[in-house]
Amino acid sequence: QRILRLAEMCRRLETEEEKVLPFYPSSLAEWEQQDARRILAASPDEPLARALQDYVGLERFWQRFNKAKLEEKALEQARAALANRNRHLRELLQKYLAGAVLSQKVPRDPPPL
């Protein structure tokens, strides 16, 4: 009940985009979506399925939670890729600067005899 109450409070803070399109589009075909809706509308026969009916209100929470986890993993991968690229660029810069220091130490014209 607490989670549902917090979800209702957070709903007011959602952006317009989140309210209109809160999740990724479904990958199911139209007929598959219709079948899923029909099955969800039917009353369950098994005891476990009846018990899960009490938690249908949490479905939106779990969808948001899973979306946030997916975005977190994607950001972690992007951060790791950027850190790797940053390390590579630093190595290249160090090599360039080391080459510039060496070229300053080498005399440009040989000393006269």
Protein backbone atom coordinates (compact mmCIF):
# COMPACT_ATOMS: atom_id res chain seq x y z
CA GLN A 1 0.00 0.00 0.00
CA ARG A 2 2.89 2.32 0.79
CA ILE A 3 4.45 1.77 -2.64
CA LEU A 4 1.13 2.44 -4.35
CA ARG A 5 0.67 5.65 -2.35
CA LEU A 6 4.20 6.80 -3.26
CA ALA A 7 3.55 5.94 -6.91
CA GLU A 8 0.45 8.14 -6.86
CA MET A 9 2.48 10.99 -5.36
CA CYS A 10 5.22 10.57 -7.95
CA ARG A 11 2.69 10.54 -10.78
CA ARG A 12 2.16 14.28 -10.23
CA LEU A 13 5.89 14.89 -10.75
CA GLU A 14 6.11 13.06 -14.08
CA THR A 15 6.88 15.01 -17.21
CA GLU A 16 4.32 15.18 -19.99
CA GLU A 17 6.42 12.79 -22.10
CA GLU A 18 6.46 10.23 -19.29
CA LYS A 19 2.70 10.50 -18.89
CA VAL A 20 2.04 10.01 -22.58
CA LEU A 21 4.71 7.44 -23.40
CA PRO A 22 6.07 6.12 -20.10
CA PHE A 23 7.60 2.92 -21.50
CA TYR A 24 9.21 1.58 -24.58
CA PRO A 25 6.80 0.57 -27.33
CA SER A 26 5.68 -3.04 -27.24
CA SER A 27 7.40 -5.51 -29.53
CA LEU A 28 4.25 -7.63 -29.71
CA ALA A 29 2.12 -7.72 -32.83
CA GLU A 30 -1.40 -6.31 -32.58
CA TRP A 31 -3.03 -9.76 -32.42
CA GLU A 32 -0.59 -10.81 -29.68
CA GLN A 33 -1.50 -7.72 -27.67
CA GLN A 34 -5.19 -8.52 -28.06
CA ASP A 35 -4.60 -12.09 -26.86
CA ALA A 36 -2.68 -10.82 -23.85
CA ARG A 37 -5.49 -8.37 -22.97
CA ARG A 38 -8.09 -11.13 -23.31
CA ILE A 39 -6.13 -13.50 -21.05
CA LEU A 40 -5.57 -10.77 -18.45
CA ALA A 41 -9.27 -9.90 -18.45
CA ALA A 42 -10.31 -13.53 -17.72
CA SER A 43 -10.58 -14.53 -14.07
CA PRO A 44 -7.82 -16.93 -13.03
CA ASP A 45 -8.53 -20.51 -11.99
CA GLU A 46 -5.30 -21.38 -10.17
CA PRO A 47 -4.72 -20.28 -6.56
CA LEU A 48 -1.35 -18.68 -7.33
CA ALA A 49 -2.85 -16.66 -10.18
CA ARG A 50 -5.67 -15.50 -7.90
CA ALA A 51 -3.11 -14.43 -5.29
CA LEU A 52 -1.20 -12.45 -7.92
CA GLN A 53 -4.37 -10.51 -8.78
CA ASP A 54 -3.79 -8.60 -5.53
CA TYR A 55 -0.51 -7.28 -6.92
CA VAL A 56 -1.73 -6.10 -10.32
CA GLY A 57 -1.41 -2.52 -9.08
CA LEU A 58 2.34 -3.02 -8.75
CA GLU A 59 2.72 -3.86 -12.43
CA ARG A 60 3.30 -0.22 -13.36
CA PHE A 61 5.88 0.06 -10.56
CA TRP A 62 7.80 -2.97 -11.83
CA GLN A 63 7.68 -1.67 -15.40
CA ARG A 64 9.19 1.62 -14.28
CA PHE A 65 11.71 -0.16 -12.08
CA ASN A 66 12.85 -2.40 -14.93
CA LYS A 67 13.07 0.56 -17.31
CA ALA A 68 15.21 2.44 -14.80
CA LYS A 69 17.49 -0.59 -14.37
CA LEU A 70 17.90 -0.94 -18.14
CA GLU A 71 18.77 2.74 -18.46
CA GLU A 72 21.22 2.44 -15.56
CA LYS A 73 23.00 -0.48 -17.26
CA ALA A 74 23.12 1.41 -20.56
CA LEU A 75 24.63 4.44 -18.82
CA GLU A 76 27.20 2.24 -17.08
CA GLN A 77 28.25 0.78 -20.43
CA ALA A 78 28.45 4.23 -22.01
CA ARG A 79 30.51 5.50 -19.08
CA ALA A 80 32.90 2.55 -19.37
CA ALA A 81 33.29 3.18 -23.11
CA LEU A 82 33.99 6.87 -22.48
CA ALA A 83 36.50 6.04 -19.76
CA ASN A 84 38.27 3.66 -22.13
CA ARG A 85 38.36 6.27 -24.88
CA ASN A 86 39.61 8.90 -22.41
CA ARG A 87 42.43 6.56 -21.33
CA HIS A 88 43.39 5.95 -24.96
CA LEU A 89 43.42 9.67 -25.76
CA ARG A 90 45.56 10.38 -22.69
CA GLU A 91 48.07 7.76 -23.84
CA LEU A 92 48.20 9.35 -27.29
CA LEU A 93 48.70 12.79 -25.75
CA GLN A 94 51.51 11.51 -23.54
CA LYS A 95 53.25 9.95 -26.57
CA TYR A 96 52.87 13.20 -28.52
CA LEU A 97 54.27 15.30 -25.65
CA ALA A 98 57.16 12.87 -25.15
CA GLY A 99 57.97 13.16 -28.86
CA ALA A 100 57.84 16.96 -28.67
CA VAL A 101 60.27 17.01 -25.73
CA LEU A 102 62.70 14.72 -27.59
CA SER A 103 62.57 16.86 -30.71
CA GLN A 104 63.50 19.95 -28.65
CA LYS A 105 66.53 18.14 -27.19
CA VAL A 106 67.91 17.11 -30.58
CA PRO A 107 69.85 19.99 -32.18
CA ARG A 108 68.37 21.18 -35.43
CA ASP A 109 71.65 22.06 -37.12
CA PRO A 110 74.80 20.02 -36.57
CA PRO A 111 77.60 21.98 -34.89
CA PRO A 112 80.12 23.50 -37.32
CA LEU A 113 83.44 21.66 -37.65
